[in-house]
Amino acid sequence: MMMDCQQAFALLQDILDKEASQIDEKEVRAHLKKCGHCFERFRVEESIQEFLNEKIKTSFAVEEKSDKLESMRLDIMGHLDEIDAECQESKKTTFGSPFKIFLSAAALVLLASIWSLSTGFFSHQEYYIPLEQAHWAAAENSSVYTQGFDKAEYLGIIEQNFNYNINSSFDGYSFVGAKKEQIMGNDVEHLIFPKDDDCISIFITSADTFVIPDNIKATMIKNSNQEIYDHNCRGCRLIFHKVGSLMIITASTNKEIELADFIPGHLTI
């Protein structure tokens, strides 16, 4: 029998802490592929957990780390117990509004607990989460980008407006659609390259208004004579590189591909 939402959520923290069995993790991930609601919650929790682990690693002296982490965990668990008790009082046994409230409240409690750790979390919210969310949305509903879409006409417009020539495929990923979006106050061309159940997003915008975030400048590497910057968290991987006056951002949740090798195009002048 397929795992339901309550069972999947019960195993979430074990998976994030890498304490779940391979069988449990396989069943949860199979559920996430079919349940958009749980998928979104899982991605939020993954991003928060990754950030929390990283800040604990870098922000405190060695002797302080365990005490800080344990204090935050106890605070989080206390709040979750209170919310869970309220849900139990509702006497609802199906996956209804109390459980949805619990999921939302859990994320909020985690965010509130992390607030005092560092402003680094808000850099993640500001520079990365909007791009990740746009990519997740495209991966879940690619038809929005492909309906009535003329690929050849679009590529011609991109070349004319930006002097940038797009490669139509990469390692089995093929360009099938795009649309203009507003992301973080910037006009962004969002192109999608699906392959089976997977998808790569390409974001093209002005390098004048969208700059490389300071907190990933240390990740710079040279690839095909281009400087690229890598933001790699559990929720999504983002590769930033500047081409002339353009900022090109590549996004994927697939950690098995070498996203840094995906150079989506080149200047034509």
C-alpha atoms as a PDB file:
ATOM      1  CA  MET A   1       0.000   0.000   0.000  1.00  0.00           C
ATOM      2  CA  MET A   2       1.258   3.467  -0.924  1.00  0.00           C
ATOM      3  CA  MET A   3       2.559   5.567   1.984  1.00  0.00           C
ATOM      4  CA  ASP A   4       0.199   8.393   2.985  1.00  0.00           C
ATOM      5  CA  CYS A   5       1.090  12.005   3.881  1.00  0.00           C
ATOM      6  CA  GLN A   6       1.116  11.473   7.649  1.00  0.00           C
ATOM      7  CA  GLN A   7       3.463   8.513   7.384  1.00  0.00           C
ATOM      8  CA  ALA A   8       5.769  10.418   5.033  1.00  0.00           C
ATOM      9  CA  PHE A   9       5.923  13.437   7.331  1.00  0.00           C
ATOM     10  CA  ALA A  10       6.619  11.232  10.374  1.00  0.00           C
ATOM     11  CA  LEU A  11       9.793   9.976   8.651  1.00  0.00           C
ATOM     12  CA  LEU A  12      10.895  13.375   7.353  1.00  0.00           C
ATOM     13  CA  GLN A  13      13.329  14.270  10.140  1.00  0.00           C
ATOM     14  CA  ASP A  14      14.906  10.812  10.094  1.00  0.00           C
ATOM     15  CA  ILE A  15      15.578  11.262   6.378  1.00  0.00           C
ATOM     16  CA  LEU A  16      17.052  14.746   6.880  1.00  0.00           C
ATOM     17  CA  ASP A  17      19.267  13.387   9.689  1.00  0.00           C
ATOM     18  CA  LYS A  18      20.190  10.391   7.487  1.00  0.00           C
ATOM     19  CA  GLU A  19      18.810   7.995  10.107  1.00  0.00           C
ATOM     20  CA  ALA A  20      15.979   6.464   8.051  1.00  0.00           C
ATOM     21  CA  SER A  21      16.287   3.020   6.516  1.00  0.00           C
ATOM     22  CA  GLN A  22      16.804   2.751   2.763  1.00  0.00           C
ATOM     23  CA  ILE A  23      13.343   1.199   2.424  1.00  0.00           C
ATOM     24  CA  ASP A  24      11.647   4.039   4.349  1.00  0.00           C
ATOM     25  CA  GLU A  25      13.504   6.692   2.380  1.00  0.00           C
ATOM     26  CA  LYS A  26      12.609   5.030  -0.929  1.00  0.00           C
ATOM     27  CA  GLU A  27       8.902   4.937   0.023  1.00  0.00           C
ATOM     28  CA  VAL A  28       8.897   8.568   1.182  1.00  0.00           C
ATOM     29  CA  ARG A  29      10.560   9.767  -2.024  1.00  0.00           C
ATOM     30  CA  ALA A  30       8.073   7.779  -4.089  1.00  0.00           C
ATOM     31  CA  HIS A  31       5.272   9.543  -2.178  1.00  0.00           C
ATOM     32  CA  LEU A  32       6.885  12.963  -2.768  1.00  0.00           C
ATOM     33  CA  LYS A  33       6.879  12.388  -6.526  1.00  0.00           C
ATOM     34  CA  LYS A  34       3.086  12.033  -6.436  1.00  0.00           C
ATOM     35  CA  CYS A  35       2.179  14.585  -3.734  1.00  0.00           C
ATOM     36  CA  GLY A  36       2.938  18.223  -4.560  1.00  0.00           C
ATOM     37  CA  HIS A  37       1.939  19.423  -1.074  1.00  0.00           C
ATOM     38  CA  CYS A  38       4.409  17.146   0.732  1.00  0.00           C
ATOM     39  CA  PHE A  39       7.063  17.860  -1.917  1.00  0.00           C
ATOM     40  CA  GLU A  40       6.949  21.598  -1.203  1.00  0.00           C
ATOM     41  CA  ARG A  41       7.083  21.055   2.570  1.00  0.00           C
ATOM     42  CA  PHE A  42       9.984  18.641   2.188  1.00  0.00           C
ATOM     43  CA  ARG A  43      11.947  21.138   0.087  1.00  0.00           C
ATOM     44  CA  VAL A  44      11.447  23.868   2.701  1.00  0.00           C
ATOM     45  CA  GLU A  45      12.589  21.548   5.486  1.00  0.00           C
ATOM     46  CA  GLU A  46      15.616  20.391   3.465  1.00  0.00           C
ATOM     47  CA  SER A  47      16.771  23.954   2.825  1.00  0.00           C
ATOM     48  CA  ILE A  48      16.360  24.905   6.480  1.00  0.00           C
ATOM     49  CA  GLN A  49      18.164  21.782   7.707  1.00  0.00           C
ATOM     50  CA  GLU A  50      21.070  22.370   5.316  1.00  0.00           C
ATOM     51  CA  PHE A  51      21.400  25.946   6.465  1.00  0.00           C
ATOM     52  CA  LEU A  52      21.150  24.989  10.133  1.00  0.00           C
ATOM     53  CA  ASN A  53      23.861  22.349   9.833  1.00  0.00           C
ATOM     54  CA  GLU A  54      26.154  24.719   7.968  1.00  0.00           C
ATOM     55  CA  LYS A  55      25.714  27.593  10.426  1.00  0.00           C
ATOM     56  CA  ILE A  56      26.301  25.307  13.397  1.00  0.00           C
ATOM     57  CA  LYS A  57      29.479  24.109  11.686  1.00  0.00           C
ATOM     58  CA  THR A  58      30.870  27.574  10.968  1.00  0.00           C
ATOM     59  CA  SER A  59      29.355  30.012  13.472  1.00  0.00           C
ATOM     60  CA  PHE A  60      30.262  28.576  16.873  1.00  0.00           C
ATOM     61  CA  ALA A  61      33.359  27.392  18.660  1.00  0.00           C
ATOM     62  CA  VAL A  62      33.703  23.600  18.838  1.00  0.00           C
ATOM     63  CA  GLU A  63      32.724  23.388  22.502  1.00  0.00           C
ATOM     64  CA  GLU A  64      29.579  25.467  21.903  1.00  0.00           C
ATOM     65  CA  LYS A  65      28.192  23.593  18.913  1.00  0.00           C
ATOM     66  CA  SER A  66      26.446  20.691  20.618  1.00  0.00           C
ATOM     67  CA  ASP A  67      24.849  22.916  23.279  1.00  0.00           C
ATOM     68  CA  LYS A  68      23.570  25.414  20.706  1.00  0.00           C
ATOM     69  CA  LEU A  69      22.169  22.738  18.419  1.00  0.00           C
ATOM     70  CA  GLU A  70      20.531  20.823  21.274  1.00  0.00           C
ATOM     71  CA  SER A  71      18.963  24.003  22.663  1.00  0.00           C
ATOM     72  CA  MET A  72      17.428  24.862  19.296  1.00  0.00           C
ATOM     73  CA  ARG A  73      16.175  21.330  18.763  1.00  0.00           C
ATOM     74  CA  LEU A  74      14.508  21.274  22.185  1.00  0.00           C
ATOM     75  CA  ASP A  75      12.855  24.628  21.507  1.00  0.00           C
ATOM     76  CA  ILE A  76      11.583  23.428  18.119  1.00  0.00           C
ATOM     77  CA  MET A  77      10.297  20.135  19.514  1.00  0.00           C
ATOM     78  CA  GLY A  78       8.505  21.929  22.360  1.00  0.00           C
ATOM     79  CA  HIS A  79       6.600  24.101  19.933  1.00  0.00           C
ATOM     80  CA  LEU A  80       5.793  21.159  17.687  1.00  0.00           C
ATOM     81  CA  ASP A  81       4.429  19.190  20.659  1.00  0.00           C
ATOM     82  CA  GLU A  82       2.092  22.079  21.492  1.00  0.00           C
ATOM     83  CA  ILE A  83       0.853  22.288  17.900  1.00  0.00           C
ATOM     84  CA  ASP A  84       0.428  18.534  17.683  1.00  0.00           C
ATOM     85  CA  ALA A  85      -1.623  18.546  20.893  1.00  0.00           C
ATOM     86  CA  GLU A  86      -3.938  21.188  19.437  1.00  0.00           C
ATOM     87  CA  CYS A  87      -4.345  19.085  16.302  1.00  0.00           C
ATOM     88  CA  GLN A  88      -5.223  16.018  18.386  1.00  0.00           C
ATOM     89  CA  GLU A  89      -7.972  17.961  20.178  1.00  0.00           C
ATOM     90  CA  SER A  90      -9.667  18.517  16.845  1.00  0.00           C
ATOM     91  CA  LYS A  91     -10.334  14.722  16.787  1.00  0.00           C
ATOM     92  CA  LYS A  92      -9.835  14.548  13.040  1.00  0.00           C
ATOM     93  CA  THR A  93      -8.313  11.351  11.768  1.00  0.00           C
ATOM     94  CA  THR A  94      -8.020  12.180   8.065  1.00  0.00           C
ATOM     95  CA  PHE A  95      -5.447  14.337   6.362  1.00  0.00           C
ATOM     96  CA  GLY A  96      -7.410  17.537   6.840  1.00  0.00           C
ATOM     97  CA  SER A  97      -6.805  21.094   7.943  1.00  0.00           C
ATOM     98  CA  PRO A  98      -5.202  20.321  11.365  1.00  0.00           C
ATOM     99  CA  PHE A  99      -2.398  18.388   9.732  1.00  0.00           C
ATOM    100  CA  LYS A 100      -1.897  21.110   7.138  1.00  0.00           C
ATOM    101  CA  ILE A 101      -1.722  23.638   9.992  1.00  0.00           C
ATOM    102  CA  PHE A 102       0.860  21.435  11.668  1.00  0.00           C
ATOM    103  CA  LEU A 103       3.027  21.364   8.537  1.00  0.00           C
ATOM    104  CA  SER A 104       2.861  25.134   8.101  1.00  0.00           C
ATOM    105  CA  ALA A 105       3.466  25.830  11.776  1.00  0.00           C
ATOM    106  CA  ALA A 106       6.430  23.453  11.826  1.00  0.00           C
ATOM    107  CA  ALA A 107       8.141  25.413   9.067  1.00  0.00           C
ATOM    108  CA  LEU A 108       7.379  28.707  10.814  1.00  0.00           C
ATOM    109  CA  VAL A 109       8.737  27.471  14.138  1.00  0.00           C
ATOM    110  CA  LEU A 110      11.943  26.350  12.462  1.00  0.00           C
ATOM    111  CA  LEU A 111      12.310  29.717  10.757  1.00  0.00           C
ATOM    112  CA  ALA A 112      11.748  31.561  14.029  1.00  0.00           C
ATOM    113  CA  SER A 113      14.276  29.381  15.860  1.00  0.00           C
ATOM    114  CA  ILE A 114      16.912  30.029  13.210  1.00  0.00           C
ATOM    115  CA  TRP A 115      16.285  33.810  13.181  1.00  0.00           C
ATOM    116  CA  SER A 116      18.794  34.537  15.942  1.00  0.00           C
ATOM    117  CA  LEU A 117      21.543  32.392  14.418  1.00  0.00           C
ATOM    118  CA  SER A 118      22.593  34.553  11.508  1.00  0.00           C
ATOM    119  CA  THR A 119      21.410  36.927   8.824  1.00  0.00           C
ATOM    120  CA  GLY A 120      22.853  34.395   6.387  1.00  0.00           C
ATOM    121  CA  PHE A 121      19.492  32.638   6.252  1.00  0.00           C
ATOM    122  CA  PHE A 122      17.889  35.771   4.889  1.00  0.00           C
ATOM    123  CA  SER A 123      20.576  36.008   2.221  1.00  0.00           C
ATOM    124  CA  HIS A 124      19.442  32.543   1.189  1.00  0.00           C
ATOM    125  CA  GLN A 125      15.829  33.733   1.156  1.00  0.00           C
ATOM    126  CA  GLU A 126      16.732  36.834  -0.836  1.00  0.00           C
ATOM    127  CA  TYR A 127      19.103  35.446  -3.458  1.00  0.00           C
ATOM    128  CA  TYR A 128      18.252  31.760  -3.885  1.00  0.00           C
ATOM    129  CA  ILE A 129      14.779  30.709  -2.714  1.00  0.00           C
ATOM    130  CA  PRO A 130      12.865  32.727  -5.389  1.00  0.00           C
ATOM    131  CA  LEU A 131      14.932  31.087  -8.136  1.00  0.00           C
ATOM    132  CA  GLU A 132      14.507  27.642  -6.570  1.00  0.00           C
ATOM    133  CA  GLN A 133      10.752  28.132  -6.282  1.00  0.00           C
ATOM    134  CA  ALA A 134      10.518  29.218  -9.926  1.00  0.00           C
ATOM    135  CA  HIS A 135      12.440  26.109 -10.952  1.00  0.00           C
ATOM    136  CA  TRP A 136      10.279  23.765  -8.829  1.00  0.00           C
ATOM    137  CA  ALA A 137       7.122  25.292 -10.301  1.00  0.00           C
ATOM    138  CA  ALA A 138       8.417  24.807 -13.858  1.00  0.00           C
ATOM    139  CA  ALA A 139       9.436  21.215 -13.142  1.00  0.00           C
ATOM    140  CA  GLU A 140       5.979  20.405 -11.766  1.00  0.00           C
ATOM    141  CA  ASN A 141       3.979  22.133 -14.523  1.00  0.00           C
ATOM    142  CA  SER A 142       6.015  22.474 -17.706  1.00  0.00           C
ATOM    143  CA  SER A 143       2.885  22.905 -19.845  1.00  0.00           C
ATOM    144  CA  VAL A 144       2.714  26.559 -18.766  1.00  0.00           C
ATOM    145  CA  TYR A 145       5.983  27.074 -20.638  1.00  0.00           C
ATOM    146  CA  THR A 146       5.223  25.023 -23.745  1.00  0.00           C
ATOM    147  CA  GLN A 147       1.583  25.722 -24.724  1.00  0.00           C
ATOM    148  CA  GLY A 148       1.447  27.695 -27.961  1.00  0.00           C
ATOM    149  CA  PHE A 149       5.217  28.115 -27.857  1.00  0.00           C
ATOM    150  CA  ASP A 150       7.283  28.588 -31.020  1.00  0.00           C
ATOM    151  CA  LYS A 151      10.826  27.513 -30.126  1.00  0.00           C
ATOM    152  CA  ALA A 152      12.543  28.837 -33.268  1.00  0.00           C
ATOM    153  CA  GLU A 153      10.832  32.231 -32.994  1.00  0.00           C
ATOM    154  CA  TYR A 154      11.750  32.548 -29.314  1.00  0.00           C
ATOM    155  CA  LEU A 155      15.418  31.661 -29.873  1.00  0.00           C
ATOM    156  CA  GLY A 156      15.539  34.289 -32.608  1.00  0.00           C
ATOM    157  CA  ILE A 157      14.147  36.923 -30.252  1.00  0.00           C
ATOM    158  CA  ILE A 158      16.700  36.025 -27.573  1.00  0.00           C
ATOM    159  CA  GLU A 159      19.540  36.296 -30.067  1.00  0.00           C
ATOM    160  CA  GLN A 160      18.250  39.620 -31.403  1.00  0.00           C
ATOM    161  CA  ASN A 161      17.559  41.203 -27.991  1.00  0.00           C
ATOM    162  CA  PHE A 162      20.510  39.819 -26.034  1.00  0.00           C
ATOM    163  CA  ASN A 163      23.046  38.806 -28.712  1.00  0.00           C
ATOM    164  CA  TYR A 164      22.998  35.390 -27.039  1.00  0.00           C
ATOM    165  CA  ASN A 165      22.678  32.083 -28.875  1.00  0.00           C
ATOM    166  CA  ILE A 166      21.010  29.268 -26.907  1.00  0.00           C
ATOM    167  CA  ASN A 167      22.125  25.641 -27.265  1.00  0.00           C
ATOM    168  CA  SER A 168      18.983  23.591 -27.873  1.00  0.00           C
ATOM    169  CA  SER A 169      20.147  20.481 -25.992  1.00  0.00           C
ATOM    170  CA  PHE A 170      22.546  19.218 -23.342  1.00  0.00           C
ATOM    171  CA  ASP A 171      23.199  15.595 -22.389  1.00  0.00           C
ATOM    172  CA  GLY A 172      19.672  14.539 -23.346  1.00  0.00           C
ATOM    173  CA  TYR A 173      17.994  17.660 -21.906  1.00  0.00           C
ATOM    174  CA  SER A 174      16.190  19.526 -24.698  1.00  0.00           C
ATOM    175  CA  PHE A 175      14.865  23.077 -24.798  1.00  0.00           C
ATOM    176  CA  VAL A 176      11.063  22.969 -25.125  1.00  0.00           C
ATOM    177  CA  GLY A 177       9.636  26.215 -23.729  1.00  0.00           C
ATOM    178  CA  ALA A 178      10.109  29.499 -21.910  1.00  0.00           C
ATOM    179  CA  LYS A 179       8.363  32.562 -20.551  1.00  0.00           C
ATOM    180  CA  LYS A 180       9.232  35.930 -19.060  1.00  0.00           C
ATOM    181  CA  GLU A 181       8.897  36.169 -15.271  1.00  0.00           C
ATOM    182  CA  GLN A 182       9.433  38.710 -12.517  1.00  0.00           C
ATOM    183  CA  ILE A 183      11.878  37.265  -9.985  1.00  0.00           C
ATOM    184  CA  MET A 184      13.215  39.382  -7.137  1.00  0.00           C
ATOM    185  CA  GLY A 185      12.160  42.525  -8.997  1.00  0.00           C
ATOM    186  CA  ASN A 186      14.051  41.541 -12.164  1.00  0.00           C
ATOM    187  CA  ASP A 187      12.713  40.761 -15.630  1.00  0.00           C
ATOM    188  CA  VAL A 188      13.924  37.204 -16.207  1.00  0.00           C
ATOM    189  CA  GLU A 189      13.680  34.906 -19.225  1.00  0.00           C
ATOM    190  CA  HIS A 190      12.995  31.425 -17.800  1.00  0.00           C
ATOM    191  CA  LEU A 191      13.833  28.560 -20.196  1.00  0.00           C
ATOM    192  CA  ILE A 192      13.183  24.894 -19.413  1.00  0.00           C
ATOM    193  CA  PHE A 193      15.087  21.805 -20.576  1.00  0.00           C
ATOM    194  CA  PRO A 194      13.224  18.621 -19.527  1.00  0.00           C
ATOM    195  CA  LYS A 195      14.472  15.045 -19.725  1.00  0.00           C
ATOM    196  CA  ASP A 196      12.122  12.227 -18.700  1.00  0.00           C
ATOM    197  CA  ASP A 197      10.876  13.242 -15.212  1.00  0.00           C
ATOM    198  CA  ASP A 198      13.749  15.688 -14.672  1.00  0.00           C
ATOM    199  CA  CYS A 199      14.172  19.341 -15.665  1.00  0.00           C
ATOM    200  CA  ILE A 200      16.866  22.031 -15.895  1.00  0.00           C
ATOM    201  CA  SER A 201      15.913  25.717 -15.707  1.00  0.00           C
ATOM    202  CA  ILE A 202      17.890  28.513 -17.326  1.00  0.00           C
ATOM    203  CA  PHE A 203      17.348  32.085 -16.123  1.00  0.00           C
ATOM    204  CA  ILE A 204      18.622  34.971 -18.261  1.00  0.00           C
ATOM    205  CA  THR A 205      18.589  38.517 -16.892  1.00  0.00           C
ATOM    206  CA  SER A 206      20.643  41.712 -16.754  1.00  0.00           C
ATOM    207  CA  ALA A 207      23.950  41.530 -14.879  1.00  0.00           C
ATOM    208  CA  ASP A 208      23.489  45.210 -14.002  1.00  0.00           C
ATOM    209  CA  THR A 209      20.517  44.513 -11.749  1.00  0.00           C
ATOM    210  CA  PHE A 210      21.200  40.900 -10.757  1.00  0.00           C
ATOM    211  CA  VAL A 211      24.681  40.530  -9.287  1.00  0.00           C
ATOM    212  CA  ILE A 212      26.574  37.495  -7.999  1.00  0.00           C
ATOM    213  CA  PRO A 213      25.654  37.073  -4.300  1.00  0.00           C
ATOM    214  CA  ASP A 214      28.628  37.894  -2.047  1.00  0.00           C
ATOM    215  CA  ASN A 215      28.264  34.732   0.015  1.00  0.00           C
ATOM    216  CA  ILE A 216      29.074  32.413  -2.925  1.00  0.00           C
ATOM    217  CA  LYS A 217      31.988  34.353  -4.407  1.00  0.00           C
ATOM    218  CA  ALA A 218      34.397  32.005  -2.626  1.00  0.00           C
ATOM    219  CA  THR A 219      33.006  29.118  -4.721  1.00  0.00           C
ATOM    220  CA  MET A 220      34.263  30.604  -8.001  1.00  0.00           C
ATOM    221  CA  ILE A 221      35.869  28.152 -10.419  1.00  0.00           C
ATOM    222  CA  LYS A 222      36.989  28.454 -14.044  1.00  0.00           C
ATOM    223  CA  ASN A 223      35.033  26.374 -16.533  1.00  0.00           C
ATOM    224  CA  SER A 224      35.440  26.797 -20.313  1.00  0.00           C
ATOM    225  CA  ASN A 225      37.263  30.065 -19.576  1.00  0.00           C
ATOM    226  CA  GLN A 226      34.225  31.361 -17.690  1.00  0.00           C
ATOM    227  CA  GLU A 227      33.985  32.206 -14.008  1.00  0.00           C
ATOM    228  CA  ILE A 228      31.106  30.284 -12.456  1.00  0.00           C
ATOM    229  CA  TYR A 229      29.681  30.415  -8.932  1.00  0.00           C
ATOM    230  CA  ASP A 230      28.020  27.455  -7.298  1.00  0.00           C
ATOM    231  CA  HIS A 231      25.190  27.480  -4.733  1.00  0.00           C
ATOM    232  CA  ASN A 232      24.548  23.839  -3.845  1.00  0.00           C
ATOM    233  CA  CYS A 233      22.049  23.064  -1.083  1.00  0.00           C
ATOM    234  CA  ARG A 234      19.801  20.055  -0.596  1.00  0.00           C
ATOM    235  CA  GLY A 235      16.807  21.759  -2.132  1.00  0.00           C
ATOM    236  CA  CYS A 236      18.379  22.854  -5.410  1.00  0.00           C
ATOM    237  CA  ARG A 237      21.659  23.585  -7.147  1.00  0.00           C
ATOM    238  CA  LEU A 238      22.177  26.983  -8.779  1.00  0.00           C
ATOM    239  CA  ILE A 239      25.099  27.883 -11.041  1.00  0.00           C
ATOM    240  CA  PHE A 240      25.695  31.607 -11.698  1.00  0.00           C
ATOM    241  CA  HIS A 241      27.912  33.041 -14.411  1.00  0.00           C
ATOM    242  CA  LYS A 242      28.149  36.381 -16.183  1.00  0.00           C
ATOM    243  CA  VAL A 243      28.300  36.619 -19.970  1.00  0.00           C
ATOM    244  CA  GLY A 244      28.831  40.145 -21.244  1.00  0.00           C
ATOM    245  CA  SER A 245      25.968  42.208 -19.809  1.00  0.00           C
ATOM    246  CA  LEU A 246      23.912  39.093 -18.980  1.00  0.00           C
ATOM    247  CA  MET A 247      23.569  37.032 -15.819  1.00  0.00           C
ATOM    248  CA  ILE A 248      22.940  33.368 -16.616  1.00  0.00           C
ATOM    249  CA  ILE A 249      21.664  31.115 -13.828  1.00  0.00           C
ATOM    250  CA  THR A 250      21.237  27.358 -14.234  1.00  0.00           C
ATOM    251  CA  ALA A 251      19.061  25.394 -11.791  1.00  0.00           C
ATOM    252  CA  SER A 252      18.449  21.700 -11.121  1.00  0.00           C
ATOM    253  CA  THR A 253      17.434  19.404  -8.270  1.00  0.00           C
ATOM    254  CA  ASN A 254      19.290  16.492  -9.880  1.00  0.00           C
ATOM    255  CA  LYS A 255      22.601  16.097  -8.042  1.00  0.00           C
ATOM    256  CA  GLU A 256      23.746  13.330 -10.375  1.00  0.00           C
ATOM    257  CA  ILE A 257      24.401  15.640 -13.329  1.00  0.00           C
ATOM    258  CA  GLU A 258      27.380  17.997 -13.471  1.00  0.00           C
ATOM    259  CA  LEU A 259      25.430  21.213 -13.780  1.00  0.00           C
ATOM    260  CA  ALA A 260      28.604  23.296 -13.903  1.00  0.00           C
ATOM    261  CA  ASP A 261      29.363  21.770 -17.324  1.00  0.00           C
ATOM    262  CA  PHE A 262      26.037  22.969 -18.735  1.00  0.00           C
ATOM    263  CA  ILE A 263      26.969  26.228 -20.490  1.00  0.00           C
ATOM    264  CA  PRO A 264      23.596  27.090 -22.063  1.00  0.00           C
ATOM    265  CA  GLY A 265      24.813  29.369 -24.831  1.00  0.00           C
ATOM    266  CA  HIS A 266      27.297  31.962 -26.064  1.00  0.00           C
ATOM    267  CA  LEU A 267      27.423  35.578 -27.185  1.00  0.00           C
ATOM    268  CA  THR A 268      27.052  36.147 -30.916  1.00  0.00           C
ATOM    269  CA  ILE A 269      29.152  39.323 -31.038  1.00  0.00           C
END
